[in-house]
Amino acid sequence: MPAYEADLERFGQYDAQVLGISVDSVPSNTAWAKSLGGLTYDLLSDFEPKGEVARLYGAYRPEGYSERALFVVDKDGHVAYKDIHDIGDQPDNEDLFEVLRKL
């Protein structure tokens, strides 16, 4: 998440808004963001009903958590990019900027 924080200005140049979402509760998300030194973009909670949004996007695991996933949703609400990957991996932001350039 710090990599997105570092590139917020670049995302803004594409009129893109960065949001984080987690199946954890709001207090857990707040504590996690604080442990990272704070985040200036919104971190949403997909807690109740647990994982409903993650399920809709195909990122929820039966074990009760979501995969690490990136989505670019265009202004019409269509998913323009979807990347679900291992929790330890984080694709380079340049992949996202390439998608944004094409929108």
Protein backbone atom coordinates (compact mmCIF):
# COMPACT_ATOMS: atom_id res chain seq x y z
CA MET A 1 0.00 0.00 0.00
CA PRO A 2 2.86 2.45 0.55
CA ALA A 3 3.70 2.13 -3.17
CA TYR A 4 0.26 3.50 -4.03
CA GLU A 5 0.70 6.27 -1.48
CA ALA A 6 4.00 7.22 -3.10
CA ASP A 7 2.36 7.44 -6.54
CA LEU A 8 -0.89 9.21 -5.57
CA GLU A 9 0.04 12.32 -7.53
CA ARG A 10 0.62 10.25 -10.68
CA PHE A 11 -2.71 8.47 -10.21
CA GLY A 12 -4.31 11.91 -9.90
CA GLN A 13 -2.85 12.92 -13.26
CA TYR A 14 -5.05 10.21 -14.80
CA ASP A 15 -8.07 11.41 -12.81
CA ALA A 16 -7.89 8.08 -10.96
CA GLN A 17 -8.82 7.53 -7.33
CA VAL A 18 -6.96 4.97 -5.24
CA LEU A 19 -9.03 3.00 -2.73
CA GLY A 20 -8.05 0.08 -0.55
CA ILE A 21 -10.56 -2.51 0.56
CA SER A 22 -10.20 -5.28 3.10
CA VAL A 23 -12.48 -7.91 4.62
CA ASP A 24 -11.24 -6.72 8.02
CA SER A 25 -13.19 -4.42 10.34
CA VAL A 26 -12.83 -0.63 10.32
CA PRO A 27 -10.82 -0.65 13.59
CA SER A 28 -8.47 -3.30 12.16
CA ASN A 29 -8.01 -1.29 8.96
CA THR A 30 -7.34 1.86 10.97
CA ALA A 31 -4.71 0.11 13.08
CA TRP A 32 -3.09 -1.43 10.00
CA ALA A 33 -2.93 1.92 8.18
CA LYS A 34 -1.42 3.48 11.29
CA SER A 35 1.22 0.73 11.43
CA LEU A 36 2.23 1.76 7.89
CA GLY A 37 2.67 5.37 8.97
CA GLY A 38 -0.79 6.36 7.75
CA LEU A 39 -2.51 6.42 4.39
CA THR A 40 -4.03 9.48 2.76
CA TYR A 41 -6.43 7.52 0.56
CA ASP A 42 -9.54 5.72 1.78
CA LEU A 43 -9.31 2.19 3.14
CA LEU A 44 -12.75 0.56 3.01
CA SER A 45 -14.07 -2.34 5.07
CA ASP A 46 -15.81 -5.27 3.37
CA PHE A 47 -16.61 -6.73 6.78
CA GLU A 48 -20.38 -7.11 6.99
CA PRO A 49 -21.55 -9.12 5.29
CA LYS A 50 -17.98 -10.37 5.34
CA GLY A 51 -16.35 -10.38 1.94
CA GLU A 52 -19.45 -9.51 -0.10
CA VAL A 53 -17.54 -7.15 -2.41
CA ALA A 54 -14.56 -9.51 -2.64
CA ARG A 55 -16.95 -12.30 -3.65
CA LEU A 56 -18.49 -10.13 -6.37
CA TYR A 57 -15.03 -9.42 -7.79
CA GLY A 58 -13.88 -13.05 -7.54
CA ALA A 59 -11.22 -12.36 -4.91
CA TYR A 60 -12.69 -14.02 -1.79
CA ARG A 61 -11.19 -17.23 -0.41
CA PRO A 62 -13.27 -19.83 1.44
CA GLU A 63 -10.82 -19.54 4.35
CA GLY A 64 -12.34 -16.15 5.15
CA TYR A 65 -10.00 -13.65 3.55
CA SER A 66 -9.49 -12.12 0.14
CA GLU A 67 -6.66 -12.48 -2.29
CA ARG A 68 -4.51 -9.49 -3.06
CA ALA A 69 -6.20 -8.02 -6.08
CA LEU A 70 -6.04 -4.90 -8.20
CA PHE A 71 -8.90 -3.53 -10.27
CA VAL A 72 -9.21 -0.50 -12.50
CA VAL A 73 -12.83 0.51 -12.91
CA ASP A 74 -13.58 3.08 -15.60
CA LYS A 75 -15.95 6.01 -15.20
CA ASP A 76 -18.81 3.94 -16.62
CA GLY A 77 -18.33 1.32 -13.89
CA HIS A 78 -16.74 -1.31 -16.14
CA VAL A 79 -13.75 -3.31 -14.94
CA ALA A 80 -10.94 -2.28 -17.30
CA TYR A 81 -8.23 -4.27 -15.52
CA LYS A 82 -8.22 -7.18 -13.08
CA ASP A 83 -5.20 -8.78 -11.46
CA ILE A 84 -5.64 -11.33 -8.66
CA HIS A 85 -2.29 -12.55 -7.41
CA ASP A 86 -0.47 -14.10 -4.45
CA ILE A 87 -0.69 -12.11 -1.24
CA GLY A 88 3.10 -11.66 -1.19
CA ASP A 89 3.24 -10.16 -4.69
CA GLN A 90 2.56 -6.60 -5.65
CA PRO A 91 2.69 -5.74 -9.33
CA ASP A 92 4.52 -2.63 -10.37
CA ASN A 93 2.37 0.51 -10.49
CA GLU A 94 3.56 0.99 -14.07
CA ASP A 95 1.17 -1.84 -15.05
CA LEU A 96 -1.70 0.25 -13.70
CA PHE A 97 -0.48 3.44 -15.36
CA GLU A 98 -0.38 1.62 -18.70
CA VAL A 99 -4.04 0.67 -18.30
CA LEU A 100 -4.96 4.21 -17.24
CA ARG A 101 -3.17 5.67 -20.27
CA LYS A 102 -5.44 3.57 -22.52
CA LEU A 103 -8.72 4.70 -20.92
